[in-house]
Amino acid sequence: MDAKRAEEILTAITGQRHNVTGVKVAHGGCISDSYTVTTLNDKLFLKQSGLNQADMFEAEANGLKELSQCKSLRVPQVFGTFQNDRNCYILMESLNLSSHNSSSFTKLGKSLAEMHRISAEKHGLDQNNYIGSTPQINNKCESWVDFYNHCRLMPQAYMTGNDEIEKKCEALAEICESFFTDYTPSPSLLHGDLWSGNTARCDLDTPMIYDPAVYYGDRETDLAFTEFFGGFTNDFYDAYQESWEVHPGYQIRRYLYQLYHSLNHLNLFGNSYLNRSLEMLDYLLKVKY
């Protein structure tokens, strides 16, 4: 993308003329092309993709706006979206990001607990969105177990087309209620895709989150995914626990929530996640809660 093209897109999104002085490819992510666009007055972050991703950019913009309710976390400001006859775009602020240190991980743990205290009347969201490039159903439910079974577990299971996965997930859905005999989660504001690649620190060790799959649900789901790939330190977990203690049953339920992401990765990236998904299912079907 050259400067002239970037100027046209920025003007279309913001309604104002921008003097672009430089465009650089920004690395990271596998769904869209990303650019850092420098103007005379600012530095912006522009993502471009095919028209089939227009709904994804709209969902990302809405998700970031939802997360911005938590003032102790830095969330990228979105300036708008745009599409023409070839591509779609989302424009947001560009920030200097660094890897987390002890201070920012501590702040992230405390801030995540604060974000999770932002609640809604029901589990779900006003719109469907995406987890990676996979459509994510967010039909509102009063029952968390119903939401998890019908909007998370079974859609991913049926997407695999694997008979063994489907049958075991159906059996798990039948007993899912048993994991919640002494725990009733409230609908907390969730990032939804909280792995180490979707968080960083910016100025003054402020924790930042981005690329969300937002909905309202059990706060344990965010914590469970932080453990799926690792990369979060004890500073993070200790700060979260100090701010809002986690129910003891999380030690088992985390596998229930990690299963959703394992099935999603199976659907996105293939059979390298098959054994991991089956192992989780076998454990959850046998464990005594």
C-alpha atoms as a PDB file:
ATOM      1  CA  MET A   1       0.000   0.000   0.000  1.00  0.00           C
ATOM      2  CA  ASP A   2       1.404   3.384  -0.982  1.00  0.00           C
ATOM      3  CA  ALA A   3       0.862   6.755   0.686  1.00  0.00           C
ATOM      4  CA  LYS A   4      -1.708   7.959  -1.850  1.00  0.00           C
ATOM      5  CA  ARG A   5      -3.865   4.871  -1.365  1.00  0.00           C
ATOM      6  CA  ALA A   6      -3.575   5.175   2.404  1.00  0.00           C
ATOM      7  CA  GLU A   7      -4.663   8.829   2.247  1.00  0.00           C
ATOM      8  CA  GLU A   8      -7.778   7.847   0.290  1.00  0.00           C
ATOM      9  CA  ILE A   9      -8.727   5.184   2.831  1.00  0.00           C
ATOM     10  CA  LEU A  10      -8.087   7.397   5.865  1.00  0.00           C
ATOM     11  CA  THR A  11     -10.183  10.177   4.334  1.00  0.00           C
ATOM     12  CA  ALA A  12     -13.018   7.737   3.597  1.00  0.00           C
ATOM     13  CA  ILE A  13     -13.005   6.474   7.178  1.00  0.00           C
ATOM     14  CA  THR A  14     -12.588   9.727   9.084  1.00  0.00           C
ATOM     15  CA  GLY A  15     -14.127  12.245   6.691  1.00  0.00           C
ATOM     16  CA  GLN A  16     -10.990  14.367   6.996  1.00  0.00           C
ATOM     17  CA  ARG A  17      -7.982  14.798   4.735  1.00  0.00           C
ATOM     18  CA  HIS A  18      -4.728  13.279   5.990  1.00  0.00           C
ATOM     19  CA  ASN A  19      -1.202  13.986   4.763  1.00  0.00           C
ATOM     20  CA  VAL A  20       0.431  10.562   4.874  1.00  0.00           C
ATOM     21  CA  THR A  21       4.202  10.647   5.182  1.00  0.00           C
ATOM     22  CA  GLY A  22       4.877   6.926   5.403  1.00  0.00           C
ATOM     23  CA  VAL A  23       3.332   3.448   5.246  1.00  0.00           C
ATOM     24  CA  LYS A  24       5.024   0.371   6.712  1.00  0.00           C
ATOM     25  CA  VAL A  25       3.890  -3.224   6.853  1.00  0.00           C
ATOM     26  CA  ALA A  26       3.057  -4.204  10.437  1.00  0.00           C
ATOM     27  CA  HIS A  27       3.805  -7.796  11.297  1.00  0.00           C
ATOM     28  CA  GLY A  28       1.580 -10.107  13.313  1.00  0.00           C
ATOM     29  CA  GLY A  29      -1.722 -11.845  12.717  1.00  0.00           C
ATOM     30  CA  CYS A  30      -2.671 -14.203   9.910  1.00  0.00           C
ATOM     31  CA  ILE A  31      -6.138 -13.037   8.881  1.00  0.00           C
ATOM     32  CA  SER A  32      -5.544  -9.551   7.482  1.00  0.00           C
ATOM     33  CA  ASP A  33      -2.806  -7.284   6.145  1.00  0.00           C
ATOM     34  CA  SER A  34      -1.706  -4.634   8.620  1.00  0.00           C
ATOM     35  CA  TYR A  35       0.048  -1.303   8.157  1.00  0.00           C
ATOM     36  CA  THR A  36       1.439   1.455  10.327  1.00  0.00           C
ATOM     37  CA  VAL A  37       0.457   4.724   8.665  1.00  0.00           C
ATOM     38  CA  THR A  38       2.316   7.886   9.654  1.00  0.00           C
ATOM     39  CA  THR A  39       0.757  11.278   9.021  1.00  0.00           C
ATOM     40  CA  LEU A  40       1.956  14.785   9.782  1.00  0.00           C
ATOM     41  CA  ASN A  41       0.085  14.698  13.089  1.00  0.00           C
ATOM     42  CA  ASP A  42      -0.311  11.081  14.118  1.00  0.00           C
ATOM     43  CA  LYS A  43       0.565   7.411  13.768  1.00  0.00           C
ATOM     44  CA  LEU A  44      -2.286   5.059  12.889  1.00  0.00           C
ATOM     45  CA  PHE A  45      -2.833   1.330  12.551  1.00  0.00           C
ATOM     46  CA  LEU A  46      -4.728   0.157   9.462  1.00  0.00           C
ATOM     47  CA  LYS A  47      -5.903  -3.382   8.751  1.00  0.00           C
ATOM     48  CA  GLN A  48      -7.054  -4.522   5.318  1.00  0.00           C
ATOM     49  CA  SER A  49      -8.782  -7.701   4.254  1.00  0.00           C
ATOM     50  CA  GLY A  50     -11.140  -9.106   1.630  1.00  0.00           C
ATOM     51  CA  LEU A  51     -14.802  -8.170   1.625  1.00  0.00           C
ATOM     52  CA  ASN A  52     -15.673 -11.469   3.270  1.00  0.00           C
ATOM     53  CA  GLN A  53     -14.047 -10.135   6.451  1.00  0.00           C
ATOM     54  CA  ALA A  54     -16.141  -6.960   6.696  1.00  0.00           C
ATOM     55  CA  ASP A  55     -18.345  -8.414   9.447  1.00  0.00           C
ATOM     56  CA  MET A  56     -15.214  -9.445  11.336  1.00  0.00           C
ATOM     57  CA  PHE A  57     -13.876  -5.877  11.352  1.00  0.00           C
ATOM     58  CA  GLU A  58     -17.240  -4.533  12.524  1.00  0.00           C
ATOM     59  CA  ALA A  59     -17.286  -7.113  15.321  1.00  0.00           C
ATOM     60  CA  GLU A  60     -13.729  -6.182  16.301  1.00  0.00           C
ATOM     61  CA  ALA A  61     -14.609  -2.494  16.448  1.00  0.00           C
ATOM     62  CA  ASN A  62     -17.672  -3.189  18.593  1.00  0.00           C
ATOM     63  CA  GLY A  63     -15.719  -5.559  20.843  1.00  0.00           C
ATOM     64  CA  LEU A  64     -12.986  -3.005  21.493  1.00  0.00           C
ATOM     65  CA  LYS A  65     -15.626  -0.410  22.313  1.00  0.00           C
ATOM     66  CA  GLU A  66     -17.207  -2.830  24.810  1.00  0.00           C
ATOM     67  CA  LEU A  67     -13.849  -3.506  26.466  1.00  0.00           C
ATOM     68  CA  SER A  68     -13.114   0.218  26.754  1.00  0.00           C
ATOM     69  CA  GLN A  69     -15.603   0.337  29.647  1.00  0.00           C
ATOM     70  CA  CYS A  70     -12.694  -0.828  31.825  1.00  0.00           C
ATOM     71  CA  LYS A  71     -10.636   2.313  32.351  1.00  0.00           C
ATOM     72  CA  SER A  72      -7.625   0.595  33.959  1.00  0.00           C
ATOM     73  CA  LEU A  73      -6.883  -1.321  30.758  1.00  0.00           C
ATOM     74  CA  ARG A  74      -5.650   0.306  27.574  1.00  0.00           C
ATOM     75  CA  VAL A  75      -7.768  -0.658  24.583  1.00  0.00           C
ATOM     76  CA  PRO A  76      -6.988   0.657  21.087  1.00  0.00           C
ATOM     77  CA  GLN A  77      -9.235   3.495  20.023  1.00  0.00           C
ATOM     78  CA  VAL A  78     -11.059   2.639  16.812  1.00  0.00           C
ATOM     79  CA  PHE A  79     -11.621   5.485  14.343  1.00  0.00           C
ATOM     80  CA  GLY A  80     -13.890   3.552  12.013  1.00  0.00           C
ATOM     81  CA  THR A  81     -14.337   0.907   9.352  1.00  0.00           C
ATOM     82  CA  PHE A  82     -14.763   1.156   5.598  1.00  0.00           C
ATOM     83  CA  GLN A  83     -15.248  -1.052   2.585  1.00  0.00           C
ATOM     84  CA  ASN A  84     -15.086  -0.503  -1.150  1.00  0.00           C
ATOM     85  CA  ASP A  85     -15.670  -2.883  -4.048  1.00  0.00           C
ATOM     86  CA  ARG A  86     -12.448  -4.798  -3.316  1.00  0.00           C
ATOM     87  CA  ASN A  87     -11.486  -4.680   0.351  1.00  0.00           C
ATOM     88  CA  CYS A  88     -12.584  -3.780   3.861  1.00  0.00           C
ATOM     89  CA  TYR A  89     -10.598  -1.794   6.419  1.00  0.00           C
ATOM     90  CA  ILE A  90     -10.468  -0.953  10.102  1.00  0.00           C
ATOM     91  CA  LEU A  91      -8.502   2.045  11.397  1.00  0.00           C
ATOM     92  CA  MET A  92      -7.313   2.499  14.961  1.00  0.00           C
ATOM     93  CA  GLU A  93      -4.633   4.243  16.940  1.00  0.00           C
ATOM     94  CA  SER A  94      -1.089   2.903  16.761  1.00  0.00           C
ATOM     95  CA  LEU A  95       0.795   2.475  20.029  1.00  0.00           C
ATOM     96  CA  ASN A  96       4.341   1.506  20.920  1.00  0.00           C
ATOM     97  CA  LEU A  97       3.988  -1.958  22.442  1.00  0.00           C
ATOM     98  CA  SER A  98       6.481  -4.007  24.444  1.00  0.00           C
ATOM     99  CA  SER A  99       6.491  -7.390  26.126  1.00  0.00           C
ATOM    100  CA  HIS A 100       5.041  -7.486  29.608  1.00  0.00           C
ATOM    101  CA  ASN A 101       7.263  -7.069  32.647  1.00  0.00           C
ATOM    102  CA  SER A 102       6.507  -7.888  36.276  1.00  0.00           C
ATOM    103  CA  SER A 103       4.827  -4.540  36.887  1.00  0.00           C
ATOM    104  CA  SER A 104       2.560  -4.662  33.835  1.00  0.00           C
ATOM    105  CA  PHE A 105       1.611  -8.306  34.482  1.00  0.00           C
ATOM    106  CA  THR A 106       0.565  -7.335  38.009  1.00  0.00           C
ATOM    107  CA  LYS A 107      -1.478  -4.454  36.640  1.00  0.00           C
ATOM    108  CA  LEU A 108      -2.991  -6.742  34.013  1.00  0.00           C
ATOM    109  CA  GLY A 109      -4.154  -9.219  36.656  1.00  0.00           C
ATOM    110  CA  LYS A 110      -5.782  -6.503  38.755  1.00  0.00           C
ATOM    111  CA  SER A 111      -7.320  -4.803  35.734  1.00  0.00           C
ATOM    112  CA  LEU A 112      -8.694  -8.036  34.304  1.00  0.00           C
ATOM    113  CA  ALA A 113     -10.501  -8.704  37.583  1.00  0.00           C
ATOM    114  CA  GLU A 114     -11.882  -5.153  37.395  1.00  0.00           C
ATOM    115  CA  MET A 115     -13.055  -5.757  33.819  1.00  0.00           C
ATOM    116  CA  HIS A 116     -14.720  -9.015  34.851  1.00  0.00           C
ATOM    117  CA  ARG A 117     -16.790  -7.106  37.421  1.00  0.00           C
ATOM    118  CA  ILE A 118     -18.494  -5.296  34.539  1.00  0.00           C
ATOM    119  CA  SER A 119     -21.616  -7.375  34.128  1.00  0.00           C
ATOM    120  CA  ALA A 120     -24.782  -7.829  32.082  1.00  0.00           C
ATOM    121  CA  GLU A 121     -28.195  -9.325  32.712  1.00  0.00           C
ATOM    122  CA  LYS A 122     -27.574 -12.381  30.528  1.00  0.00           C
ATOM    123  CA  HIS A 123     -24.712 -14.402  29.110  1.00  0.00           C
ATOM    124  CA  GLY A 124     -23.912 -13.632  25.487  1.00  0.00           C
ATOM    125  CA  LEU A 125     -23.908 -10.408  23.473  1.00  0.00           C
ATOM    126  CA  ASP A 126     -26.168  -8.340  21.231  1.00  0.00           C
ATOM    127  CA  GLN A 127     -24.348  -9.624  18.147  1.00  0.00           C
ATOM    128  CA  ASN A 128     -22.430 -12.661  16.993  1.00  0.00           C
ATOM    129  CA  ASN A 129     -18.718 -12.243  16.349  1.00  0.00           C
ATOM    130  CA  TYR A 130     -15.589 -14.306  15.710  1.00  0.00           C
ATOM    131  CA  ILE A 131     -12.985 -16.321  17.581  1.00  0.00           C
ATOM    132  CA  GLY A 132     -10.048 -16.040  15.215  1.00  0.00           C
ATOM    133  CA  SER A 133     -11.806 -16.477  11.866  1.00  0.00           C
ATOM    134  CA  THR A 134     -14.430 -18.862  13.271  1.00  0.00           C
ATOM    135  CA  PRO A 135     -17.963 -17.488  13.689  1.00  0.00           C
ATOM    136  CA  GLN A 136     -18.907 -17.294  17.363  1.00  0.00           C
ATOM    137  CA  ILE A 137     -22.569 -17.492  18.393  1.00  0.00           C
ATOM    138  CA  ASN A 138     -23.592 -15.136  21.201  1.00  0.00           C
ATOM    139  CA  ASN A 139     -27.317 -15.804  21.661  1.00  0.00           C
ATOM    140  CA  LYS A 140     -28.283 -14.399  25.053  1.00  0.00           C
ATOM    141  CA  CYS A 141     -29.085 -16.961  27.765  1.00  0.00           C
ATOM    142  CA  GLU A 142     -29.966 -16.729  31.431  1.00  0.00           C
ATOM    143  CA  SER A 143     -28.316 -20.112  32.032  1.00  0.00           C
ATOM    144  CA  TRP A 144     -24.550 -20.221  31.634  1.00  0.00           C
ATOM    145  CA  VAL A 145     -24.616 -23.991  31.075  1.00  0.00           C
ATOM    146  CA  ASP A 146     -27.147 -23.604  28.257  1.00  0.00           C
ATOM    147  CA  PHE A 147     -25.032 -20.861  26.723  1.00  0.00           C
ATOM    148  CA  TYR A 148     -21.850 -22.917  26.924  1.00  0.00           C
ATOM    149  CA  ASN A 149     -23.455 -26.031  25.475  1.00  0.00           C
ATOM    150  CA  HIS A 150     -25.422 -24.402  22.653  1.00  0.00           C
ATOM    151  CA  CYS A 151     -23.222 -21.426  21.746  1.00  0.00           C
ATOM    152  CA  ARG A 152     -19.723 -22.741  22.465  1.00  0.00           C
ATOM    153  CA  LEU A 153     -19.222 -26.491  22.841  1.00  0.00           C
ATOM    154  CA  MET A 154     -21.575 -28.067  20.303  1.00  0.00           C
ATOM    155  CA  PRO A 155     -21.114 -25.608  17.392  1.00  0.00           C
ATOM    156  CA  GLN A 156     -17.368 -26.282  17.492  1.00  0.00           C
ATOM    157  CA  ALA A 157     -17.926 -30.029  17.882  1.00  0.00           C
ATOM    158  CA  TYR A 158     -20.220 -30.286  14.861  1.00  0.00           C
ATOM    159  CA  MET A 159     -17.861 -28.121  12.829  1.00  0.00           C
ATOM    160  CA  THR A 160     -15.129 -30.769  13.148  1.00  0.00           C
ATOM    161  CA  GLY A 161     -17.125 -33.389  11.251  1.00  0.00           C
ATOM    162  CA  ASN A 162     -15.447 -35.966  13.492  1.00  0.00           C
ATOM    163  CA  ASP A 163     -17.893 -38.597  14.787  1.00  0.00           C
ATOM    164  CA  GLU A 164     -15.868 -39.379  17.901  1.00  0.00           C
ATOM    165  CA  ILE A 165     -15.555 -35.720  18.840  1.00  0.00           C
ATOM    166  CA  GLU A 166     -19.254 -35.125  18.239  1.00  0.00           C
ATOM    167  CA  LYS A 167     -20.420 -38.089  20.320  1.00  0.00           C
ATOM    168  CA  LYS A 168     -18.132 -37.282  23.238  1.00  0.00           C
ATOM    169  CA  CYS A 169     -19.139 -33.617  23.195  1.00  0.00           C
ATOM    170  CA  GLU A 170     -22.811 -34.623  23.189  1.00  0.00           C
ATOM    171  CA  ALA A 171     -22.128 -36.823  26.225  1.00  0.00           C
ATOM    172  CA  LEU A 172     -20.278 -33.971  27.924  1.00  0.00           C
ATOM    173  CA  ALA A 173     -23.158 -31.577  27.273  1.00  0.00           C
ATOM    174  CA  GLU A 174     -25.468 -34.022  29.034  1.00  0.00           C
ATOM    175  CA  ILE A 175     -23.421 -33.866  32.250  1.00  0.00           C
ATOM    176  CA  CYS A 176     -22.172 -30.281  31.972  1.00  0.00           C
ATOM    177  CA  GLU A 177     -24.522 -29.131  34.736  1.00  0.00           C
ATOM    178  CA  SER A 178     -22.590 -31.308  37.201  1.00  0.00           C
ATOM    179  CA  PHE A 179     -19.571 -28.989  36.994  1.00  0.00           C
ATOM    180  CA  PHE A 180     -21.678 -26.160  38.452  1.00  0.00           C
ATOM    181  CA  THR A 181     -23.398 -27.714  41.459  1.00  0.00           C
ATOM    182  CA  ASP A 182     -21.841 -25.181  43.849  1.00  0.00           C
ATOM    183  CA  TYR A 183     -20.949 -22.387  41.474  1.00  0.00           C
ATOM    184  CA  THR A 184     -23.210 -20.029  39.513  1.00  0.00           C
ATOM    185  CA  PRO A 185     -21.161 -17.680  37.333  1.00  0.00           C
ATOM    186  CA  SER A 186     -22.415 -14.185  36.696  1.00  0.00           C
ATOM    187  CA  PRO A 187     -22.189 -12.728  33.172  1.00  0.00           C
ATOM    188  CA  SER A 188     -18.806 -10.953  33.248  1.00  0.00           C
ATOM    189  CA  LEU A 189     -17.371  -8.867  30.434  1.00  0.00           C
ATOM    190  CA  LEU A 190     -14.853 -11.147  28.712  1.00  0.00           C
ATOM    191  CA  HIS A 191     -12.043 -10.583  26.252  1.00  0.00           C
ATOM    192  CA  GLY A 192     -12.829 -14.021  24.858  1.00  0.00           C
ATOM    193  CA  ASP A 193      -9.480 -14.721  23.163  1.00  0.00           C
ATOM    194  CA  LEU A 194      -6.995 -13.864  25.887  1.00  0.00           C
ATOM    195  CA  TRP A 195      -3.715 -15.517  24.952  1.00  0.00           C
ATOM    196  CA  SER A 196      -0.318 -13.875  25.320  1.00  0.00           C
ATOM    197  CA  GLY A 197      -0.315 -12.605  21.723  1.00  0.00           C
ATOM    198  CA  ASN A 198      -3.362 -10.429  22.393  1.00  0.00           C
ATOM    199  CA  THR A 199      -1.926  -8.410  25.257  1.00  0.00           C
ATOM    200  CA  ALA A 200       1.140  -6.210  25.739  1.00  0.00           C
ATOM    201  CA  ARG A 201       2.314  -3.202  27.708  1.00  0.00           C
ATOM    202  CA  CYS A 202       2.502   0.370  26.544  1.00  0.00           C
ATOM    203  CA  ASP A 203       3.575   3.604  28.223  1.00  0.00           C
ATOM    204  CA  LEU A 204       4.128   3.569  32.012  1.00  0.00           C
ATOM    205  CA  ASP A 205       3.715  -0.231  32.105  1.00  0.00           C
ATOM    206  CA  THR A 206       0.027   0.114  31.271  1.00  0.00           C
ATOM    207  CA  PRO A 207      -1.465  -3.254  30.237  1.00  0.00           C
ATOM    208  CA  MET A 208      -3.159  -3.317  26.849  1.00  0.00           C
ATOM    209  CA  ILE A 209      -5.536  -5.852  25.298  1.00  0.00           C
ATOM    210  CA  TYR A 210      -6.687  -6.151  21.697  1.00  0.00           C
ATOM    211  CA  ASP A 211      -8.022  -8.580  19.035  1.00  0.00           C
ATOM    212  CA  PRO A 212     -10.974  -9.622  21.217  1.00  0.00           C
ATOM    213  CA  ALA A 213     -13.821 -12.114  20.859  1.00  0.00           C
ATOM    214  CA  VAL A 214     -16.005 -10.267  23.348  1.00  0.00           C
ATOM    215  CA  TYR A 215     -19.095 -11.556  25.134  1.00  0.00           C
ATOM    216  CA  TYR A 216     -20.471 -11.778  28.674  1.00  0.00           C
ATOM    217  CA  GLY A 217     -19.977 -15.077  30.487  1.00  0.00           C
ATOM    218  CA  ASP A 218     -18.044 -16.952  33.153  1.00  0.00           C
ATOM    219  CA  ARG A 219     -14.869 -15.019  34.008  1.00  0.00           C
ATOM    220  CA  GLU A 220     -13.046 -18.333  34.401  1.00  0.00           C
ATOM    221  CA  THR A 221     -13.060 -18.742  30.621  1.00  0.00           C
ATOM    222  CA  ASP A 222     -10.600 -15.866  30.166  1.00  0.00           C
ATOM    223  CA  LEU A 223      -8.321 -17.270  32.859  1.00  0.00           C
ATOM    224  CA  ALA A 224      -8.478 -20.764  31.372  1.00  0.00           C
ATOM    225  CA  PHE A 225      -7.283 -19.583  27.975  1.00  0.00           C
ATOM    226  CA  THR A 226      -4.336 -17.735  29.515  1.00  0.00           C
ATOM    227  CA  GLU A 227      -3.155 -21.183  30.628  1.00  0.00           C
ATOM    228  CA  PHE A 228      -3.769 -22.905  27.281  1.00  0.00           C
ATOM    229  CA  PHE A 229      -0.554 -21.690  25.621  1.00  0.00           C
ATOM    230  CA  GLY A 230       1.102 -20.185  28.700  1.00  0.00           C
ATOM    231  CA  GLY A 231       3.108 -16.977  28.709  1.00  0.00           C
ATOM    232  CA  PHE A 232       1.483 -15.389  31.779  1.00  0.00           C
ATOM    233  CA  THR A 233       3.495 -15.157  34.985  1.00  0.00           C
ATOM    234  CA  ASN A 234       2.664 -15.703  38.645  1.00  0.00           C
ATOM    235  CA  ASP A 235       2.566 -11.900  39.008  1.00  0.00           C
ATOM    236  CA  PHE A 236      -0.529 -11.912  36.804  1.00  0.00           C
ATOM    237  CA  TYR A 237      -2.314 -14.803  38.529  1.00  0.00           C
ATOM    238  CA  ASP A 238      -1.451 -13.630  42.054  1.00  0.00           C
ATOM    239  CA  ALA A 239      -2.744 -10.129  41.320  1.00  0.00           C
ATOM    240  CA  TYR A 240      -5.976 -11.477  39.877  1.00  0.00           C
ATOM    241  CA  GLN A 241      -6.516 -13.841  42.808  1.00  0.00           C
ATOM    242  CA  GLU A 242      -5.861 -11.042  45.277  1.00  0.00           C
ATOM    243  CA  SER A 243      -8.385  -8.821  43.501  1.00  0.00           C
ATOM    244  CA  TRP A 244     -11.081 -11.473  43.043  1.00  0.00           C
ATOM    245  CA  GLU A 245     -10.596 -14.972  44.395  1.00  0.00           C
ATOM    246  CA  VAL A 246     -11.240 -17.799  41.957  1.00  0.00           C
ATOM    247  CA  HIS A 247     -13.616 -20.603  42.951  1.00  0.00           C
ATOM    248  CA  PRO A 248     -11.808 -23.897  43.784  1.00  0.00           C
ATOM    249  CA  GLY A 249     -13.781 -25.736  41.095  1.00  0.00           C
ATOM    250  CA  TYR A 250     -11.894 -23.750  38.460  1.00  0.00           C
ATOM    251  CA  GLN A 251      -9.092 -26.306  38.655  1.00  0.00           C
ATOM    252  CA  ILE A 252     -11.404 -28.741  36.842  1.00  0.00           C
ATOM    253  CA  ARG A 253     -13.617 -26.331  34.877  1.00  0.00           C
ATOM    254  CA  ARG A 254     -10.587 -24.765  33.181  1.00  0.00           C
ATOM    255  CA  TYR A 255     -10.349 -27.911  31.016  1.00  0.00           C
ATOM    256  CA  LEU A 256     -13.989 -27.468  30.037  1.00  0.00           C
ATOM    257  CA  TYR A 257     -13.190 -23.974  28.813  1.00  0.00           C
ATOM    258  CA  GLN A 258      -9.881 -24.883  27.207  1.00  0.00           C
ATOM    259  CA  LEU A 259     -11.737 -27.558  25.253  1.00  0.00           C
ATOM    260  CA  TYR A 260     -13.611 -24.858  23.368  1.00  0.00           C
ATOM    261  CA  HIS A 261     -10.340 -23.326  22.199  1.00  0.00           C
ATOM    262  CA  SER A 262      -8.798 -26.695  21.428  1.00  0.00           C
ATOM    263  CA  LEU A 263     -11.768 -27.576  19.211  1.00  0.00           C
ATOM    264  CA  ASN A 264     -11.541 -24.162  17.556  1.00  0.00           C
ATOM    265  CA  HIS A 265      -7.860 -24.731  16.806  1.00  0.00           C
ATOM    266  CA  LEU A 266      -8.725 -28.184  15.496  1.00  0.00           C
ATOM    267  CA  ASN A 267     -11.200 -26.554  13.107  1.00  0.00           C
ATOM    268  CA  LEU A 268      -8.789 -23.799  12.109  1.00  0.00           C
ATOM    269  CA  PHE A 269      -5.456 -25.633  11.922  1.00  0.00           C
ATOM    270  CA  GLY A 270      -6.201 -29.321  11.580  1.00  0.00           C
ATOM    271  CA  ASN A 271      -5.493 -32.608  13.300  1.00  0.00           C
ATOM    272  CA  SER A 272      -2.505 -31.455  15.345  1.00  0.00           C
ATOM    273  CA  TYR A 273      -5.140 -30.496  17.947  1.00  0.00           C
ATOM    274  CA  LEU A 274      -7.173 -33.711  17.675  1.00  0.00           C
ATOM    275  CA  ASN A 275      -5.411 -35.731  20.364  1.00  0.00           C
ATOM    276  CA  ARG A 276      -5.385 -32.801  22.772  1.00  0.00           C
ATOM    277  CA  SER A 277      -9.123 -32.339  22.295  1.00  0.00           C
ATOM    278  CA  LEU A 278      -9.842 -36.033  22.813  1.00  0.00           C
ATOM    279  CA  GLU A 279      -7.685 -36.139  25.935  1.00  0.00           C
ATOM    280  CA  MET A 280      -9.622 -33.214  27.412  1.00  0.00           C
ATOM    281  CA  LEU A 281     -12.922 -34.862  26.581  1.00  0.00           C
ATOM    282  CA  ASP A 282     -11.888 -38.181  28.127  1.00  0.00           C
ATOM    283  CA  TYR A 283     -10.765 -36.407  31.292  1.00  0.00           C
ATOM    284  CA  LEU A 284     -13.955 -34.344  31.610  1.00  0.00           C
ATOM    285  CA  LEU A 285     -16.183 -37.382  31.022  1.00  0.00           C
ATOM    286  CA  LYS A 286     -14.456 -39.350  33.781  1.00  0.00           C
ATOM    287  CA  VAL A 287     -13.509 -36.751  36.390  1.00  0.00           C
ATOM    288  CA  LYS A 288     -15.572 -36.564  39.566  1.00  0.00           C
ATOM    289  CA  TYR A 289     -16.336 -32.923  40.286  1.00  0.00           C
END
